[in-house]
Amino acid sequence: MPQKRGDEDILNEGIRSREVMVITDDGEKLGVIPTSQALDMAFTKNLDLVLVAPTAKPPVAKFMDYNKYKYEQQRKQREAKKHQKIVSLKELRLSPKIDTHDFETKLRNGRKFLEKGDKLKISIRFRGREMAYTNQGREVMMDFAKRCEDIADVESKPKQDGRSMFMTLTPKKDK
């Protein structure tokens, strides 16, 4: 693929070396030719002379329609972007003394996020004297993970960071 100098590909008059190894648009090697002669040949064919390997000795250049090449590259990038899956991170906050109904509601919402393909971060913030209930908070998180194990894997087990505890769940991959 064409090499870049800064942000721009090296082509036509931008090629600084005296001689280049030339490859035609069909892929045929013409050998080592003075750059000025290679440029003349490219312009007679209505093509650009694009440096493909500037570090080679001598540098390798190819005849191609540069605008068409750039367009094809952009089209490939757009196609790749379309097929890319964007995974977002959703967060649910629980408490160490969460009521059963509240827990069920959070669980239902968390399962919805996981089914949509989002990662899920579960966090518990311990306030004041709740720091004495870190084990209870860990149990709440592990219960949440256990109830989601049919659709999610635990990416990171519950970790304590100051007054907060975090755990990450990822949706299971379809096989």
N, C-alpha and C. Protein backbone atom coordinates (compact mmCIF):
# COMPACT_ATOMS: atom_id res chain seq x y z
N MET A 1 0.83 -1.18 0.00
CA MET A 1 0.00 0.00 0.00
C MET A 1 0.88 1.25 0.00
N PRO A 2 0.39 2.33 -0.56
CA PRO A 2 1.20 3.54 -0.63
C PRO A 2 1.63 4.01 0.74
N GLN A 3 2.87 4.47 0.81
CA GLN A 3 3.40 4.99 2.06
C GLN A 3 3.04 6.45 2.20
N LYS A 4 3.01 6.93 3.42
CA LYS A 4 2.62 8.31 3.67
C LYS A 4 3.80 9.10 4.21
N ARG A 5 3.87 10.33 3.81
CA ARG A 5 4.82 11.27 4.39
C ARG A 5 3.97 12.28 5.12
N GLY A 6 4.01 12.22 6.44
CA GLY A 6 3.12 13.08 7.22
C GLY A 6 1.71 12.54 7.10
N ASP A 7 0.83 13.32 6.48
CA ASP A 7 -0.56 12.90 6.34
C ASP A 7 -0.90 12.57 4.89
N GLU A 8 0.04 12.76 3.97
CA GLU A 8 -0.24 12.61 2.54
C GLU A 8 0.59 11.47 1.95
N ASP A 9 0.00 10.72 1.02
CA ASP A 9 0.74 9.67 0.33
C ASP A 9 1.79 10.29 -0.58
N ILE A 10 2.89 9.55 -0.84
CA ILE A 10 3.96 10.06 -1.68
C ILE A 10 3.65 9.65 -3.12
N LEU A 11 3.39 10.64 -3.98
CA LEU A 11 3.06 10.33 -5.36
C LEU A 11 3.54 11.42 -6.31
N ASN A 12 3.62 11.03 -7.58
CA ASN A 12 4.02 11.91 -8.69
C ASN A 12 5.26 12.74 -8.38
N GLU A 13 5.14 14.08 -8.41
CA GLU A 13 6.32 14.94 -8.22
C GLU A 13 6.84 14.91 -6.78
N GLY A 14 6.11 14.34 -5.87
CA GLY A 14 6.55 14.26 -4.48
C GLY A 14 7.61 13.19 -4.26
N ILE A 15 7.86 12.34 -5.26
CA ILE A 15 8.87 11.29 -5.13
C ILE A 15 10.24 11.92 -5.30
N ARG A 16 11.11 11.78 -4.30
CA ARG A 16 12.39 12.47 -4.28
C ARG A 16 13.55 11.67 -4.87
N SER A 17 13.45 10.35 -4.92
CA SER A 17 14.59 9.55 -5.39
C SER A 17 14.76 9.65 -6.90
N ARG A 18 16.00 9.41 -7.38
CA ARG A 18 16.31 9.53 -8.81
C ARG A 18 15.74 8.37 -9.61
N GLU A 19 15.83 7.15 -9.02
CA GLU A 19 15.36 5.96 -9.72
C GLU A 19 14.35 5.23 -8.86
N VAL A 20 13.41 4.56 -9.54
CA VAL A 20 12.42 3.76 -8.83
C VAL A 20 12.21 2.44 -9.56
N MET A 21 11.89 1.41 -8.79
CA MET A 21 11.48 0.12 -9.36
C MET A 21 10.00 0.29 -9.70
N VAL A 22 9.61 0.10 -10.94
CA VAL A 22 8.26 0.40 -11.38
C VAL A 22 7.44 -0.88 -11.58
N ILE A 23 6.22 -0.83 -11.07
CA ILE A 23 5.25 -1.90 -11.28
C ILE A 23 4.06 -1.27 -11.99
N THR A 24 3.60 -1.90 -13.07
CA THR A 24 2.47 -1.34 -13.82
C THR A 24 1.17 -1.59 -13.07
N ASP A 25 0.09 -1.01 -13.61
CA ASP A 25 -1.22 -1.21 -12.98
C ASP A 25 -1.70 -2.65 -13.13
N ASP A 26 -1.11 -3.43 -14.06
CA ASP A 26 -1.46 -4.85 -14.22
C ASP A 26 -0.66 -5.73 -13.26
N GLY A 27 0.37 -5.17 -12.61
CA GLY A 27 1.20 -5.94 -11.69
C GLY A 27 2.50 -6.39 -12.34
N GLU A 28 2.75 -5.97 -13.57
CA GLU A 28 3.97 -6.35 -14.30
C GLU A 28 5.14 -5.46 -13.86
N LYS A 29 6.30 -6.09 -13.61
CA LYS A 29 7.48 -5.32 -13.19
C LYS A 29 8.22 -4.81 -14.41
N LEU A 30 8.48 -3.50 -14.45
CA LEU A 30 9.22 -2.90 -15.56
C LEU A 30 10.70 -2.75 -15.24
N GLY A 31 11.07 -2.92 -13.97
CA GLY A 31 12.46 -2.79 -13.57
C GLY A 31 12.76 -1.41 -13.04
N VAL A 32 14.07 -1.14 -12.87
CA VAL A 32 14.52 0.15 -12.31
C VAL A 32 14.58 1.18 -13.44
N ILE A 33 13.85 2.28 -13.26
CA ILE A 33 13.73 3.33 -14.28
C ILE A 33 13.95 4.67 -13.59
N PRO A 34 14.56 5.65 -14.27
CA PRO A 34 14.66 6.99 -13.69
C PRO A 34 13.27 7.54 -13.38
N THR A 35 13.13 8.25 -12.29
CA THR A 35 11.83 8.73 -11.83
C THR A 35 11.15 9.61 -12.87
N SER A 36 11.89 10.48 -13.52
CA SER A 36 11.28 11.37 -14.52
C SER A 36 10.67 10.56 -15.67
N GLN A 37 11.36 9.51 -16.10
CA GLN A 37 10.84 8.67 -17.18
C GLN A 37 9.59 7.91 -16.70
N ALA A 38 9.61 7.42 -15.46
CA ALA A 38 8.47 6.70 -14.91
C ALA A 38 7.25 7.63 -14.80
N LEU A 39 7.49 8.89 -14.43
CA LEU A 39 6.40 9.87 -14.36
C LEU A 39 5.78 10.11 -15.74
N ASP A 40 6.65 10.25 -16.76
CA ASP A 40 6.16 10.44 -18.12
C ASP A 40 5.30 9.26 -18.56
N MET A 41 5.77 8.04 -18.24
CA MET A 41 5.01 6.83 -18.61
C MET A 41 3.65 6.81 -17.91
N ALA A 42 3.62 7.21 -16.65
CA ALA A 42 2.37 7.21 -15.89
C ALA A 42 1.39 8.23 -16.46
N PHE A 43 1.89 9.42 -16.81
CA PHE A 43 1.01 10.45 -17.34
C PHE A 43 0.48 10.08 -18.72
N THR A 44 1.27 9.38 -19.54
CA THR A 44 0.76 8.95 -20.86
C THR A 44 -0.37 7.94 -20.70
N LYS A 45 -0.35 7.18 -19.61
CA LYS A 45 -1.42 6.21 -19.35
C LYS A 45 -2.56 6.83 -18.54
N ASN A 46 -2.46 8.14 -18.23
CA ASN A 46 -3.44 8.84 -17.40
C ASN A 46 -3.54 8.23 -16.00
N LEU A 47 -2.41 7.86 -15.42
CA LEU A 47 -2.36 7.29 -14.09
C LEU A 47 -1.39 8.09 -13.23
N ASP A 48 -1.36 7.79 -11.95
CA ASP A 48 -0.43 8.43 -11.03
C ASP A 48 0.69 7.45 -10.71
N LEU A 49 1.85 7.97 -10.39
CA LEU A 49 2.97 7.16 -9.93
C LEU A 49 2.99 7.28 -8.41
N VAL A 50 2.69 6.17 -7.72
CA VAL A 50 2.56 6.20 -6.26
C VAL A 50 3.65 5.34 -5.65
N LEU A 51 4.35 5.89 -4.66
CA LEU A 51 5.41 5.17 -3.97
C LEU A 51 4.79 4.14 -3.03
N VAL A 52 5.12 2.86 -3.28
CA VAL A 52 4.54 1.77 -2.48
C VAL A 52 5.49 1.38 -1.35
N ALA A 53 6.79 1.34 -1.63
CA ALA A 53 7.78 0.97 -0.61
C ALA A 53 8.96 1.94 -0.69
N PRO A 54 8.88 3.07 0.03
CA PRO A 54 9.94 4.07 -0.07
C PRO A 54 11.26 3.66 0.59
N THR A 55 11.21 2.69 1.50
CA THR A 55 12.43 2.30 2.21
C THR A 55 13.24 1.25 1.45
N ALA A 56 12.66 0.67 0.40
CA ALA A 56 13.38 -0.35 -0.38
C ALA A 56 14.50 0.31 -1.17
N LYS A 57 15.47 -0.48 -1.58
CA LYS A 57 16.59 0.02 -2.41
C LYS A 57 16.52 -0.67 -3.76
N PRO A 58 16.18 -0.04 -4.83
CA PRO A 58 15.59 1.30 -4.98
C PRO A 58 14.13 1.30 -4.54
N PRO A 59 13.55 2.49 -4.27
CA PRO A 59 12.15 2.56 -3.86
C PRO A 59 11.22 1.97 -4.92
N VAL A 60 10.12 1.37 -4.47
CA VAL A 60 9.17 0.74 -5.39
C VAL A 60 7.98 1.67 -5.60
N ALA A 61 7.64 1.91 -6.88
CA ALA A 61 6.52 2.76 -7.23
C ALA A 61 5.58 1.99 -8.15
N LYS A 62 4.29 2.36 -8.12
CA LYS A 62 3.30 1.65 -8.90
C LYS A 62 2.42 2.63 -9.66
N PHE A 63 2.02 2.25 -10.88
CA PHE A 63 1.07 3.04 -11.64
C PHE A 63 -0.32 2.71 -11.12
N MET A 64 -1.09 3.74 -10.74
CA MET A 64 -2.48 3.50 -10.32
C MET A 64 -3.27 4.79 -10.41
N ASP A 65 -4.59 4.65 -10.49
CA ASP A 65 -5.48 5.80 -10.42
C ASP A 65 -5.63 6.11 -8.94
N TYR A 66 -4.94 7.14 -8.48
CA TYR A 66 -4.85 7.42 -7.06
C TYR A 66 -6.20 7.77 -6.45
N ASN A 67 -7.00 8.57 -7.15
CA ASN A 67 -8.32 8.95 -6.61
C ASN A 67 -9.22 7.73 -6.46
N LYS A 68 -9.15 6.83 -7.42
CA LYS A 68 -9.95 5.60 -7.35
C LYS A 68 -9.48 4.74 -6.17
N TYR A 69 -8.16 4.68 -5.98
CA TYR A 69 -7.58 3.92 -4.87
C TYR A 69 -8.06 4.48 -3.53
N LYS A 70 -8.00 5.82 -3.37
CA LYS A 70 -8.44 6.47 -2.14
C LYS A 70 -9.93 6.19 -1.89
N TYR A 71 -10.74 6.26 -2.95
CA TYR A 71 -12.18 6.01 -2.83
C TYR A 71 -12.43 4.57 -2.36
N GLU A 72 -11.72 3.61 -2.95
CA GLU A 72 -11.87 2.20 -2.56
C GLU A 72 -11.51 2.01 -1.07
N GLN A 73 -10.42 2.65 -0.64
CA GLN A 73 -10.00 2.54 0.76
C GLN A 73 -11.09 3.08 1.70
N GLN A 74 -11.66 4.22 1.36
CA GLN A 74 -12.70 4.82 2.19
C GLN A 74 -13.93 3.93 2.23
N ARG A 75 -14.28 3.33 1.07
CA ARG A 75 -15.43 2.44 1.02
C ARG A 75 -15.23 1.21 1.90
N LYS A 76 -14.01 0.65 1.86
CA LYS A 76 -13.70 -0.51 2.70
C LYS A 76 -13.81 -0.15 4.18
N GLN A 77 -13.32 1.05 4.54
CA GLN A 77 -13.41 1.49 5.93
C GLN A 77 -14.85 1.64 6.39
N ARG A 78 -15.70 2.21 5.51
CA ARG A 78 -17.12 2.36 5.85
C ARG A 78 -17.77 1.00 6.04
N GLU A 79 -17.46 0.05 5.16
CA GLU A 79 -18.02 -1.31 5.27
C GLU A 79 -17.59 -1.95 6.58
N ALA A 80 -16.30 -1.82 6.91
CA ALA A 80 -15.79 -2.41 8.15
C ALA A 80 -16.47 -1.78 9.36
N LYS A 81 -16.73 -0.49 9.29
CA LYS A 81 -17.38 0.21 10.39
C LYS A 81 -18.82 -0.26 10.57
N LYS A 82 -19.51 -0.57 9.45
CA LYS A 82 -20.88 -1.05 9.52
C LYS A 82 -20.97 -2.37 10.27
N HIS A 83 -20.00 -3.25 10.03
CA HIS A 83 -20.03 -4.58 10.62
C HIS A 83 -19.42 -4.62 12.01
N GLN A 84 -18.97 -3.48 12.50
CA GLN A 84 -18.36 -3.41 13.82
C GLN A 84 -19.45 -3.36 14.88
N LYS A 85 -19.29 -4.12 15.94
CA LYS A 85 -20.29 -4.11 17.01
C LYS A 85 -19.80 -3.17 18.11
N ILE A 86 -20.63 -2.21 18.43
CA ILE A 86 -20.28 -1.24 19.47
C ILE A 86 -20.83 -1.75 20.80
N VAL A 87 -19.94 -2.01 21.72
CA VAL A 87 -20.34 -2.50 23.04
C VAL A 87 -20.24 -1.34 24.01
N SER A 88 -21.38 -1.04 24.63
CA SER A 88 -21.34 0.04 25.61
C SER A 88 -21.36 -0.56 27.02
N LEU A 89 -20.95 0.22 27.96
CA LEU A 89 -20.88 -0.22 29.34
C LEU A 89 -22.02 0.44 30.11
N LYS A 90 -22.91 -0.38 30.64
CA LYS A 90 -24.02 0.11 31.44
C LYS A 90 -23.68 -0.14 32.91
N GLU A 91 -24.17 0.73 33.77
CA GLU A 91 -23.86 0.58 35.20
C GLU A 91 -25.14 0.48 36.01
N LEU A 92 -25.13 -0.45 36.96
CA LEU A 92 -26.22 -0.59 37.92
C LEU A 92 -25.63 -0.38 39.31
N ARG A 93 -26.31 0.41 40.14
CA ARG A 93 -25.85 0.63 41.51
C ARG A 93 -26.76 -0.13 42.47
N LEU A 94 -26.15 -0.90 43.31
CA LEU A 94 -26.88 -1.65 44.33
C LEU A 94 -26.45 -1.13 45.69
N SER A 95 -27.08 -1.65 46.72
CA SER A 95 -26.63 -1.32 48.07
C SER A 95 -26.48 -2.62 48.85
N PRO A 96 -25.67 -2.62 49.91
CA PRO A 96 -25.45 -3.87 50.63
C PRO A 96 -26.72 -4.38 51.32
N LYS A 97 -27.65 -3.49 51.65
CA LYS A 97 -28.88 -3.90 52.34
C LYS A 97 -30.08 -3.74 51.40
N ILE A 98 -29.94 -4.18 50.15
CA ILE A 98 -30.99 -3.98 49.16
C ILE A 98 -32.19 -4.90 49.46
N ASP A 99 -33.39 -4.37 49.28
CA ASP A 99 -34.61 -5.14 49.50
C ASP A 99 -34.81 -6.12 48.33
N THR A 100 -35.55 -7.20 48.53
CA THR A 100 -35.70 -8.23 47.49
C THR A 100 -36.39 -7.68 46.25
N HIS A 101 -37.44 -6.87 46.41
CA HIS A 101 -38.14 -6.34 45.24
C HIS A 101 -37.22 -5.40 44.44
N ASP A 102 -36.47 -4.54 45.13
CA ASP A 102 -35.52 -3.64 44.46
C ASP A 102 -34.47 -4.46 43.71
N PHE A 103 -34.00 -5.53 44.36
CA PHE A 103 -32.99 -6.39 43.74
C PHE A 103 -33.55 -7.01 42.46
N GLU A 104 -34.80 -7.50 42.51
CA GLU A 104 -35.43 -8.11 41.33
C GLU A 104 -35.55 -7.10 40.18
N THR A 105 -35.90 -5.87 40.50
CA THR A 105 -36.03 -4.82 39.48
C THR A 105 -34.67 -4.55 38.84
N LYS A 106 -33.64 -4.40 39.65
CA LYS A 106 -32.29 -4.16 39.12
C LYS A 106 -31.83 -5.35 38.29
N LEU A 107 -32.14 -6.55 38.74
CA LEU A 107 -31.77 -7.76 38.02
C LEU A 107 -32.45 -7.79 36.65
N ARG A 108 -33.73 -7.45 36.61
CA ARG A 108 -34.47 -7.44 35.35
C ARG A 108 -33.85 -6.43 34.37
N ASN A 109 -33.53 -5.24 34.87
CA ASN A 109 -32.90 -4.22 34.01
C ASN A 109 -31.51 -4.68 33.55
N GLY A 110 -30.75 -5.26 34.46
CA GLY A 110 -29.41 -5.74 34.12
C GLY A 110 -29.47 -6.82 33.05
N ARG A 111 -30.43 -7.74 33.16
CA ARG A 111 -30.58 -8.80 32.16
C ARG A 111 -30.93 -8.21 30.79
N LYS A 112 -31.76 -7.16 30.79
CA LYS A 112 -32.11 -6.49 29.52
C LYS A 112 -30.86 -5.95 28.84
N PHE A 113 -30.00 -5.28 29.64
CA PHE A 113 -28.76 -4.72 29.09
C PHE A 113 -27.88 -5.82 28.51
N LEU A 114 -27.74 -6.91 29.26
CA LEU A 114 -26.88 -8.01 28.81
C LEU A 114 -27.43 -8.67 27.55
N GLU A 115 -28.75 -8.81 27.46
CA GLU A 115 -29.36 -9.41 26.27
C GLU A 115 -29.18 -8.54 25.05
N LYS A 116 -29.11 -7.21 25.25
CA LYS A 116 -28.85 -6.31 24.12
C LYS A 116 -27.39 -6.35 23.67
N GLY A 117 -26.54 -6.99 24.48
CA GLY A 117 -25.13 -7.11 24.11
C GLY A 117 -24.22 -6.11 24.81
N ASP A 118 -24.74 -5.39 25.79
CA ASP A 118 -23.92 -4.41 26.52
C ASP A 118 -23.20 -5.08 27.68
N LYS A 119 -22.04 -4.52 28.02
CA LYS A 119 -21.35 -4.96 29.25
C LYS A 119 -22.08 -4.32 30.42
N LEU A 120 -21.98 -4.95 31.57
CA LEU A 120 -22.68 -4.45 32.74
C LEU A 120 -21.72 -4.30 33.90
N LYS A 121 -21.67 -3.09 34.46
CA LYS A 121 -20.82 -2.82 35.63
C LYS A 121 -21.75 -2.67 36.82
N ILE A 122 -21.55 -3.50 37.81
CA ILE A 122 -22.37 -3.45 39.01
C ILE A 122 -21.53 -2.82 40.11
N SER A 123 -22.08 -1.81 40.76
CA SER A 123 -21.31 -1.14 41.80
C SER A 123 -22.13 -1.00 43.07
N ILE A 124 -21.43 -1.05 44.17
CA ILE A 124 -22.04 -0.81 45.48
C ILE A 124 -21.20 0.25 46.17
N ARG A 125 -21.86 1.28 46.67
CA ARG A 125 -21.17 2.34 47.41
C ARG A 125 -21.53 2.18 48.87
N PHE A 126 -20.52 2.03 49.69
CA PHE A 126 -20.73 1.87 51.13
C PHE A 126 -20.68 3.24 51.78
N ARG A 127 -21.76 3.61 52.48
CA ARG A 127 -21.81 4.92 53.13
C ARG A 127 -21.67 4.74 54.64
N GLY A 128 -20.97 5.63 55.26
CA GLY A 128 -20.86 5.66 56.73
C GLY A 128 -20.47 4.32 57.33
N ARG A 129 -21.34 3.81 58.18
CA ARG A 129 -21.04 2.57 58.89
C ARG A 129 -21.28 1.32 58.05
N GLU A 130 -21.75 1.49 56.83
CA GLU A 130 -21.96 0.34 55.94
C GLU A 130 -20.65 -0.36 55.60
N MET A 131 -19.53 0.27 55.86
CA MET A 131 -18.22 -0.35 55.59
C MET A 131 -18.08 -1.66 56.36
N ALA A 132 -18.85 -1.82 57.42
CA ALA A 132 -18.81 -3.06 58.20
C ALA A 132 -19.50 -4.20 57.45
N TYR A 133 -20.26 -3.86 56.37
CA TYR A 133 -21.03 -4.87 55.64
C TYR A 133 -20.45 -5.17 54.25
N THR A 134 -19.14 -5.10 54.12
CA THR A 134 -18.54 -5.36 52.80
C THR A 134 -18.80 -6.80 52.37
N ASN A 135 -18.79 -7.74 53.31
CA ASN A 135 -19.08 -9.14 52.95
C ASN A 135 -20.50 -9.29 52.43
N GLN A 136 -21.44 -8.57 53.05
CA GLN A 136 -22.83 -8.62 52.61
C GLN A 136 -22.95 -8.04 51.19
N GLY A 137 -22.22 -6.97 50.93
CA GLY A 137 -22.20 -6.37 49.59
C GLY A 137 -21.65 -7.34 48.56
N ARG A 138 -20.57 -8.04 48.92
CA ARG A 138 -19.98 -9.04 48.02
C ARG A 138 -20.98 -10.15 47.72
N GLU A 139 -21.73 -10.58 48.75
CA GLU A 139 -22.74 -11.63 48.56
C GLU A 139 -23.85 -11.16 47.62
N VAL A 140 -24.28 -9.90 47.75
CA VAL A 140 -25.32 -9.35 46.87
C VAL A 140 -24.82 -9.40 45.42
N MET A 141 -23.57 -9.01 45.20
CA MET A 141 -23.00 -9.03 43.85
C MET A 141 -22.91 -10.45 43.29
N MET A 142 -22.44 -11.37 44.11
CA MET A 142 -22.29 -12.75 43.64
C MET A 142 -23.66 -13.38 43.34
N ASP A 143 -24.67 -13.00 44.11
CA ASP A 143 -26.03 -13.48 43.86
C ASP A 143 -26.52 -12.94 42.50
N PHE A 144 -26.23 -11.67 42.24
CA PHE A 144 -26.60 -11.04 40.97
C PHE A 144 -25.94 -11.80 39.82
N ALA A 145 -24.64 -12.09 39.96
CA ALA A 145 -23.90 -12.79 38.92
C ALA A 145 -24.45 -14.21 38.73
N LYS A 146 -24.80 -14.86 39.83
CA LYS A 146 -25.32 -16.23 39.75
C LYS A 146 -26.65 -16.26 39.00
N ARG A 147 -27.49 -15.25 39.24
CA ARG A 147 -28.79 -15.20 38.58
C ARG A 147 -28.69 -14.81 37.10
N CYS A 148 -27.54 -14.29 36.69
CA CYS A 148 -27.33 -13.91 35.28
C CYS A 148 -26.41 -14.89 34.56
N GLU A 149 -25.99 -15.96 35.22
CA GLU A 149 -24.96 -16.81 34.63
C GLU A 149 -25.40 -17.52 33.35
N ASP A 150 -26.73 -17.63 33.10
CA ASP A 150 -27.19 -18.24 31.86
C ASP A 150 -26.94 -17.34 30.65
N ILE A 151 -26.86 -16.02 30.85
CA ILE A 151 -26.65 -15.10 29.73
C ILE A 151 -25.37 -14.29 29.84
N ALA A 152 -24.64 -14.39 30.96
CA ALA A 152 -23.46 -13.54 31.15
C ALA A 152 -22.34 -14.28 31.86
N ASP A 153 -21.12 -13.83 31.58
CA ASP A 153 -19.92 -14.32 32.26
C ASP A 153 -19.38 -13.20 33.14
N VAL A 154 -18.74 -13.58 34.24
CA VAL A 154 -18.12 -12.58 35.12
C VAL A 154 -16.76 -12.22 34.52
N GLU A 155 -16.62 -10.98 34.09
CA GLU A 155 -15.34 -10.52 33.52
C GLU A 155 -14.37 -10.19 34.64
N SER A 156 -14.86 -9.49 35.65
CA SER A 156 -14.01 -9.19 36.81
C SER A 156 -14.82 -9.43 38.08
N LYS A 157 -14.24 -10.17 38.98
CA LYS A 157 -14.89 -10.49 40.25
C LYS A 157 -15.01 -9.21 41.08
N PRO A 158 -15.87 -9.23 42.12
CA PRO A 158 -16.03 -8.01 42.94
C PRO A 158 -14.69 -7.54 43.54
N LYS A 159 -14.38 -6.27 43.30
CA LYS A 159 -13.15 -5.67 43.82
C LYS A 159 -13.52 -4.45 44.63
N GLN A 160 -12.88 -4.29 45.76
CA GLN A 160 -13.13 -3.13 46.61
C GLN A 160 -12.12 -2.05 46.29
N ASP A 161 -12.62 -0.83 46.15
CA ASP A 161 -11.77 0.33 45.89
C ASP A 161 -12.27 1.45 46.80
N GLY A 162 -11.64 1.59 47.93
CA GLY A 162 -12.08 2.61 48.90
C GLY A 162 -13.44 2.24 49.46
N ARG A 163 -14.42 3.12 49.30
CA ARG A 163 -15.77 2.88 49.81
C ARG A 163 -16.68 2.25 48.75
N SER A 164 -16.13 1.84 47.60
CA SER A 164 -16.94 1.26 46.53
C SER A 164 -16.47 -0.15 46.21
N MET A 165 -17.38 -0.92 45.65
CA MET A 165 -17.06 -2.28 45.20
C MET A 165 -17.63 -2.40 43.79
N PHE A 166 -16.83 -2.99 42.87
CA PHE A 166 -17.24 -3.10 41.48
C PHE A 166 -17.13 -4.54 40.99
N MET A 167 -17.97 -4.87 40.01
CA MET A 167 -17.90 -6.15 39.33
C MET A 167 -18.38 -5.93 37.90
N THR A 168 -17.78 -6.62 36.93
CA THR A 168 -18.18 -6.45 35.54
C THR A 168 -18.67 -7.77 34.97
N LEU A 169 -19.80 -7.72 34.28
CA LEU A 169 -20.37 -8.87 33.58
C LEU A 169 -20.37 -8.61 32.09
N THR A 170 -20.05 -9.62 31.30
CA THR A 170 -20.12 -9.50 29.84
C THR A 170 -21.10 -10.53 29.30
N PRO A 171 -21.81 -10.18 28.23
CA PRO A 171 -22.74 -11.16 27.66
C PRO A 171 -21.98 -12.36 27.11
N LYS A 172 -22.59 -13.55 27.20
CA LYS A 172 -21.94 -14.75 26.68
C LYS A 172 -21.91 -14.68 25.16
N LYS A 173 -20.83 -15.21 24.60
CA LYS A 173 -20.67 -15.25 23.14
C LYS A 173 -21.53 -16.39 22.59
N ASP A 174 -22.23 -16.13 21.50
CA ASP A 174 -23.00 -17.19 20.85
C ASP A 174 -22.05 -18.08 20.08
N LYS A 175 -22.22 -19.37 20.25
CA LYS A 175 -21.29 -20.30 19.59
C LYS A 175 -21.92 -20.88 18.36
